Amino acid sequence: MLINRIVIYAQDIMIFTGRSRSYAYNVLNRVRKKLGKGKHSLITFQEFADFHGIPVNELTDILFRKQ
């Protein structure tokens, strides 16, 4: 499937983990802090996957599978 974006959002993390919105924002903030990014910087799927030690293709397969 064609993926038209590379940026991960809180909603994606909520779908992937099954956790709450506040948890998803907390995770995004931890990734930003670890990478030394600013408060409003975007996080890519690759950066998120690397931070959590999961293959990026597993992440994208779950988020973008055909319904």
PDB file of N, CA and C in Angstrom:
ATOM      1  N   MET A   1       0.835  -1.187   0.000  1.00  0.00           N
ATOM      2  CA  MET A   1       0.000   0.000   0.000  1.00  0.00           C
ATOM      3  C   MET A   1       0.877   1.246   0.000  1.00  0.00           C
ATOM      4  N   LEU A   2       0.478   2.235  -0.712  1.00  0.00           N
ATOM      5  CA  LEU A   2       1.213   3.481  -0.803  1.00  0.00           C
ATOM      6  C   LEU A   2       0.955   4.334   0.436  1.00  0.00           C
ATOM      7  N   ILE A   3       2.026   4.764   1.058  1.00  0.00           N
ATOM      8  CA  ILE A   3       1.919   5.632   2.226  1.00  0.00           C
ATOM      9  C   ILE A   3       2.265   7.039   1.768  1.00  0.00           C
ATOM     10  N   ASN A   4       1.371   7.997   1.970  1.00  0.00           N
ATOM     11  CA  ASN A   4       1.615   9.345   1.485  1.00  0.00           C
ATOM     12  C   ASN A   4       2.224  10.253   2.537  1.00  0.00           C
ATOM     13  N   ARG A   5       2.561   9.773   3.698  1.00  0.00           N
ATOM     14  CA  ARG A   5       3.152  10.639   4.709  1.00  0.00           C
ATOM     15  C   ARG A   5       4.214   9.885   5.491  1.00  0.00           C
ATOM     16  N   ILE A   6       5.094  10.645   6.111  1.00  0.00           N
ATOM     17  CA  ILE A   6       6.166  10.045   6.898  1.00  0.00           C
ATOM     18  C   ILE A   6       6.110  10.460   8.356  1.00  0.00           C
ATOM     19  N   VAL A   7       5.190  11.354   8.684  1.00  0.00           N
ATOM     20  CA  VAL A   7       5.090  11.886  10.040  1.00  0.00           C
ATOM     21  C   VAL A   7       4.067  11.072  10.839  1.00  0.00           C
ATOM     22  N   ILE A   8       4.439  10.726  12.058  1.00  0.00           N
ATOM     23  CA  ILE A   8       3.535   9.988  12.934  1.00  0.00           C
ATOM     24  C   ILE A   8       2.824  10.977  13.858  1.00  0.00           C
ATOM     25  N   TYR A   9       1.553  10.727  14.097  1.00  0.00           N
ATOM     26  CA  TYR A   9       0.731  11.575  14.940  1.00  0.00           C
ATOM     27  C   TYR A   9       0.246  10.788  16.154  1.00  0.00           C
ATOM     28  N   ALA A  10      -0.277  11.499  17.133  1.00  0.00           N
ATOM     29  CA  ALA A  10      -0.776  10.859  18.352  1.00  0.00           C
ATOM     30  C   ALA A  10      -1.852   9.825  18.029  1.00  0.00           C
ATOM     31  N   GLN A  11      -2.707  10.126  17.080  1.00  0.00           N
ATOM     32  CA  GLN A  11      -3.766   9.181  16.698  1.00  0.00           C
ATOM     33  C   GLN A  11      -3.165   7.863  16.201  1.00  0.00           C
ATOM     34  N   ASP A  12      -2.067   7.917  15.452  1.00  0.00           N
ATOM     35  CA  ASP A  12      -1.394   6.708  14.992  1.00  0.00           C
ATOM     36  C   ASP A  12      -0.885   5.880  16.172  1.00  0.00           C
ATOM     37  N   ILE A  13      -0.307   6.564  17.143  1.00  0.00           N
ATOM     38  CA  ILE A  13       0.215   5.872  18.324  1.00  0.00           C
ATOM     39  C   ILE A  13      -0.932   5.251  19.117  1.00  0.00           C
ATOM     40  N   MET A  14      -2.056   5.947  19.189  1.00  0.00           N
ATOM     41  CA  MET A  14      -3.232   5.406  19.874  1.00  0.00           C
ATOM     42  C   MET A  14      -3.707   4.117  19.200  1.00  0.00           C
ATOM     43  N   ILE A  15      -3.736   4.089  17.890  1.00  0.00           N
ATOM     44  CA  ILE A  15      -4.156   2.900  17.146  1.00  0.00           C
ATOM     45  C   ILE A  15      -3.152   1.773  17.350  1.00  0.00           C
ATOM     46  N   PHE A  16      -1.885   2.086  17.238  1.00  0.00           N
ATOM     47  CA  PHE A  16      -0.828   1.074  17.326  1.00  0.00           C
ATOM     48  C   PHE A  16      -0.736   0.453  18.716  1.00  0.00           C
ATOM     49  N   THR A  17      -0.857   1.275  19.765  1.00  0.00           N
ATOM     50  CA  THR A  17      -0.669   0.778  21.125  1.00  0.00           C
ATOM     51  C   THR A  17      -1.967   0.429  21.836  1.00  0.00           C
ATOM     52  N   GLY A  18      -3.083   1.001  21.371  1.00  0.00           N
ATOM     53  CA  GLY A  18      -4.350   0.792  22.055  1.00  0.00           C
ATOM     54  C   GLY A  18      -4.446   1.586  23.347  1.00  0.00           C
ATOM     55  N   ARG A  19      -3.624   2.608  23.476  1.00  0.00           N
ATOM     56  CA  ARG A  19      -3.595   3.417  24.699  1.00  0.00           C
ATOM     57  C   ARG A  19      -4.287   4.753  24.468  1.00  0.00           C
ATOM     58  N   SER A  20      -4.326   5.565  25.501  1.00  0.00           N
ATOM     59  CA  SER A  20      -5.052   6.833  25.477  1.00  0.00           C
ATOM     60  C   SER A  20      -4.313   7.933  24.708  1.00  0.00           C
ATOM     61  N   ARG A  21      -5.027   9.012  24.467  1.00  0.00           N
ATOM     62  CA  ARG A  21      -4.455  10.168  23.780  1.00  0.00           C
ATOM     63  C   ARG A  21      -3.328  10.797  24.603  1.00  0.00           C
ATOM     64  N   SER A  22      -3.538  10.918  25.911  1.00  0.00           N
ATOM     65  CA  SER A  22      -2.501  11.521  26.756  1.00  0.00           C
ATOM     66  C   SER A  22      -1.228  10.680  26.745  1.00  0.00           C
ATOM     67  N   TYR A  23      -1.367   9.365  26.724  1.00  0.00           N
ATOM     68  CA  TYR A  23      -0.209   8.486  26.621  1.00  0.00           C
ATOM     69  C   TYR A  23       0.525   8.727  25.298  1.00  0.00           C
ATOM     70  N   ALA A  24      -0.236   8.845  24.220  1.00  0.00           N
ATOM     71  CA  ALA A  24       0.363   9.047  22.893  1.00  0.00           C
ATOM     72  C   ALA A  24       1.148  10.353  22.835  1.00  0.00           C
ATOM     73  N   TYR A  25       0.595  11.421  23.402  1.00  0.00           N
ATOM     74  CA  TYR A  25       1.316  12.695  23.419  1.00  0.00           C
ATOM     75  C   TYR A  25       2.562  12.608  24.302  1.00  0.00           C
ATOM     76  N   ASN A  26       2.461  11.883  25.389  1.00  0.00           N
ATOM     77  CA  ASN A  26       3.607  11.676  26.267  1.00  0.00           C
ATOM     78  C   ASN A  26       4.725  10.951  25.525  1.00  0.00           C
ATOM     79  N   VAL A  27       4.370   9.927  24.764  1.00  0.00           N
ATOM     80  CA  VAL A  27       5.361   9.180  23.983  1.00  0.00           C
ATOM     81  C   VAL A  27       6.023  10.092  22.956  1.00  0.00           C
ATOM     82  N   LEU A  28       5.226  10.875  22.244  1.00  0.00           N
ATOM     83  CA  LEU A  28       5.794  11.793  21.253  1.00  0.00           C
ATOM     84  C   LEU A  28       6.769  12.767  21.910  1.00  0.00           C
ATOM     85  N   ASN A  29       6.413  13.270  23.071  1.00  0.00           N
ATOM     86  CA  ASN A  29       7.300  14.193  23.775  1.00  0.00           C
ATOM     87  C   ASN A  29       8.593  13.524  24.223  1.00  0.00           C
ATOM     88  N   ARG A  30       8.505  12.261  24.665  1.00  0.00           N
ATOM     89  CA  ARG A  30       9.724  11.540  25.057  1.00  0.00           C
ATOM     90  C   ARG A  30      10.648  11.322  23.863  1.00  0.00           C
ATOM     91  N   VAL A  31      10.069  10.999  22.713  1.00  0.00           N
ATOM     92  CA  VAL A  31      10.875  10.804  21.499  1.00  0.00           C
ATOM     93  C   VAL A  31      11.538  12.128  21.110  1.00  0.00           C
ATOM     94  N   ARG A  32      10.778  13.212  21.124  1.00  0.00           N
ATOM     95  CA  ARG A  32      11.350  14.530  20.811  1.00  0.00           C
ATOM     96  C   ARG A  32      12.516  14.869  21.733  1.00  0.00           C
ATOM     97  N   LYS A  33      12.316  14.648  23.009  1.00  0.00           N
ATOM     98  CA  LYS A  33      13.356  14.973  23.983  1.00  0.00           C
ATOM     99  C   LYS A  33      14.612  14.133  23.741  1.00  0.00           C
ATOM    100  N   LYS A  34      14.435  12.844  23.503  1.00  0.00           N
ATOM    101  CA  LYS A  34      15.574  11.951  23.262  1.00  0.00           C
ATOM    102  C   LYS A  34      16.339  12.357  22.007  1.00  0.00           C
ATOM    103  N   LEU A  35      15.624  12.797  20.991  1.00  0.00           N
ATOM    104  CA  LEU A  35      16.259  13.182  19.723  1.00  0.00           C
ATOM    105  C   LEU A  35      16.759  14.622  19.733  1.00  0.00           C
ATOM    106  N   GLY A  36      16.477  15.351  20.798  1.00  0.00           N
ATOM    107  CA  GLY A  36      16.906  16.747  20.881  1.00  0.00           C
ATOM    108  C   GLY A  36      16.119  17.665  19.980  1.00  0.00           C
ATOM    109  N   LYS A  37      14.886  17.302  19.697  1.00  0.00           N
ATOM    110  CA  LYS A  37      14.049  18.126  18.830  1.00  0.00           C
ATOM    111  C   LYS A  37      13.252  19.114  19.665  1.00  0.00           C
ATOM    112  N   GLY A  38      12.823  20.169  19.010  1.00  0.00           N
ATOM    113  CA  GLY A  38      12.043  21.197  19.675  1.00  0.00           C
ATOM    114  C   GLY A  38      10.623  20.760  19.950  1.00  0.00           C
ATOM    115  N   LYS A  39       9.938  21.576  20.718  1.00  0.00           N
ATOM    116  CA  LYS A  39       8.577  21.314  21.163  1.00  0.00           C
ATOM    117  C   LYS A  39       7.593  21.087  20.008  1.00  0.00           C
ATOM    118  N   HIS A  40       7.781  21.792  18.914  1.00  0.00           N
ATOM    119  CA  HIS A  40       6.848  21.706  17.799  1.00  0.00           C
ATOM    120  C   HIS A  40       7.403  20.927  16.608  1.00  0.00           C
ATOM    121  N   SER A  41       8.495  20.218  16.806  1.00  0.00           N
ATOM    122  CA  SER A  41       9.088  19.426  15.723  1.00  0.00           C
ATOM    123  C   SER A  41       8.269  18.162  15.484  1.00  0.00           C
ATOM    124  N   LEU A  42       8.250  17.730  14.250  1.00  0.00           N
ATOM    125  CA  LEU A  42       7.524  16.528  13.874  1.00  0.00           C
ATOM    126  C   LEU A  42       8.418  15.299  14.040  1.00  0.00           C
ATOM    127  N   ILE A  43       7.793  14.168  14.301  1.00  0.00           N
ATOM    128  CA  ILE A  43       8.492  12.894  14.463  1.00  0.00           C
ATOM    129  C   ILE A  43       8.099  12.001  13.291  1.00  0.00           C
ATOM    130  N   THR A  44       9.082  11.355  12.674  1.00  0.00           N
ATOM    131  CA  THR A  44       8.797  10.458  11.559  1.00  0.00           C
ATOM    132  C   THR A  44       8.521   9.046  12.068  1.00  0.00           C
ATOM    133  N   PHE A  45       7.920   8.239  11.195  1.00  0.00           N
ATOM    134  CA  PHE A  45       7.690   6.837  11.538  1.00  0.00           C
ATOM    135  C   PHE A  45       9.014   6.147  11.865  1.00  0.00           C
ATOM    136  N   GLN A  46      10.043   6.456  11.093  1.00  0.00           N
ATOM    137  CA  GLN A  46      11.348   5.833  11.305  1.00  0.00           C
ATOM    138  C   GLN A  46      11.923   6.194  12.671  1.00  0.00           C
ATOM    139  N   GLU A  47      11.842   7.461  13.041  1.00  0.00           N
ATOM    140  CA  GLU A  47      12.353   7.893  14.347  1.00  0.00           C
ATOM    141  C   GLU A  47      11.591   7.218  15.484  1.00  0.00           C
ATOM    142  N   PHE A  48      10.275   7.125  15.354  1.00  0.00           N
ATOM    143  CA  PHE A  48       9.457   6.477  16.373  1.00  0.00           C
ATOM    144  C   PHE A  48       9.814   4.997  16.488  1.00  0.00           C
ATOM    145  N   ALA A  49       9.926   4.328  15.348  1.00  0.00           N
ATOM    146  CA  ALA A  49      10.250   2.900  15.346  1.00  0.00           C
ATOM    147  C   ALA A  49      11.648   2.652  15.924  1.00  0.00           C
ATOM    148  N   ASP A  50      12.613   3.469  15.552  1.00  0.00           N
ATOM    149  CA  ASP A  50      13.970   3.318  16.082  1.00  0.00           C
ATOM    150  C   ASP A  50      14.007   3.527  17.587  1.00  0.00           C
ATOM    151  N   PHE A  51      13.287   4.516  18.069  1.00  0.00           N
ATOM    152  CA  PHE A  51      13.250   4.817  19.499  1.00  0.00           C
ATOM    153  C   PHE A  51      12.708   3.625  20.294  1.00  0.00           C
ATOM    154  N   HIS A  52      11.699   2.959  19.733  1.00  0.00           N
ATOM    155  CA  HIS A  52      11.061   1.848  20.439  1.00  0.00           C
ATOM    156  C   HIS A  52      11.624   0.485  20.050  1.00  0.00           C
ATOM    157  N   GLY A  53      12.541   0.460  19.111  1.00  0.00           N
ATOM    158  CA  GLY A  53      13.183  -0.798  18.727  1.00  0.00           C
ATOM    159  C   GLY A  53      12.259  -1.761  17.997  1.00  0.00           C
ATOM    160  N   ILE A  54      11.371  -1.213  17.189  1.00  0.00           N
ATOM    161  CA  ILE A  54      10.488  -2.064  16.390  1.00  0.00           C
ATOM    162  C   ILE A  54      10.743  -1.781  14.916  1.00  0.00           C
ATOM    163  N   PRO A  55      10.567  -2.771  14.066  1.00  0.00           N
ATOM    164  CA  PRO A  55      10.745  -2.529  12.622  1.00  0.00           C
ATOM    165  C   PRO A  55       9.679  -1.563  12.108  1.00  0.00           C
ATOM    166  N   VAL A  56      10.104  -0.612  11.322  1.00  0.00           N
ATOM    167  CA  VAL A  56       9.180   0.405  10.808  1.00  0.00           C
ATOM    168  C   VAL A  56       8.102  -0.226   9.934  1.00  0.00           C
ATOM    169  N   ASN A  57       8.424  -1.305   9.236  1.00  0.00           N
ATOM    170  CA  ASN A  57       7.414  -1.933   8.374  1.00  0.00           C
ATOM    171  C   ASN A  57       6.291  -2.575   9.192  1.00  0.00           C
ATOM    172  N   GLU A  58       6.575  -3.059  10.393  1.00  0.00           N
ATOM    173  CA  GLU A  58       5.501  -3.577  11.252  1.00  0.00           C
ATOM    174  C   GLU A  58       4.560  -2.455  11.671  1.00  0.00           C
ATOM    175  N   LEU A  59       5.133  -1.331  12.008  1.00  0.00           N
ATOM    176  CA  LEU A  59       4.352  -0.170  12.405  1.00  0.00           C
ATOM    177  C   LEU A  59       3.446   0.290  11.266  1.00  0.00           C
ATOM    178  N   THR A  60       4.012   0.469  10.101  1.00  0.00           N
ATOM    179  CA  THR A  60       3.228   0.954   8.959  1.00  0.00           C
ATOM    180  C   THR A  60       2.229  -0.080   8.461  1.00  0.00           C
ATOM    181  N   ASP A  61       2.567  -1.372   8.565  1.00  0.00           N
ATOM    182  CA  ASP A  61       1.617  -2.406   8.155  1.00  0.00           C
ATOM    183  C   ASP A  61       0.358  -2.352   9.000  1.00  0.00           C
ATOM    184  N   ILE A  62       0.504  -2.169  10.298  1.00  0.00           N
ATOM    185  CA  ILE A  62      -0.653  -2.113  11.176  1.00  0.00           C
ATOM    186  C   ILE A  62      -1.463  -0.835  10.939  1.00  0.00           C
ATOM    187  N   LEU A  63      -0.779   0.284  10.775  1.00  0.00           N
ATOM    188  CA  LEU A  63      -1.489   1.554  10.622  1.00  0.00           C
ATOM    189  C   LEU A  63      -2.146   1.730   9.260  1.00  0.00           C
ATOM    190  N   PHE A  64      -1.552   1.149   8.223  1.00  0.00           N
ATOM    191  CA  PHE A  64      -2.033   1.411   6.871  1.00  0.00           C
ATOM    192  C   PHE A  64      -2.559   0.172   6.163  1.00  0.00           C
ATOM    193  N   ARG A  65      -2.908  -0.856   6.939  1.00  0.00           N
ATOM    194  CA  ARG A  65      -3.468  -2.051   6.286  1.00  0.00           C
ATOM    195  C   ARG A  65      -4.821  -1.718   5.700  1.00  0.00           C
ATOM    196  N   LYS A  66      -5.144  -2.440   4.648  1.00  0.00           N
ATOM    197  CA  LYS A  66      -6.431  -2.203   3.988  1.00  0.00           C
ATOM    198  C   LYS A  66      -7.544  -2.697   4.880  1.00  0.00           C
ATOM    199  N   GLN A  67      -8.552  -1.892   5.017  1.00  0.00           N
ATOM    200  CA  GLN A  67      -9.701  -2.232   5.867  1.00  0.00           C
ATOM    201  C   GLN A  67     -10.681  -3.086   5.106  1.00  0.00           C
TER     202      GLN A  67
END
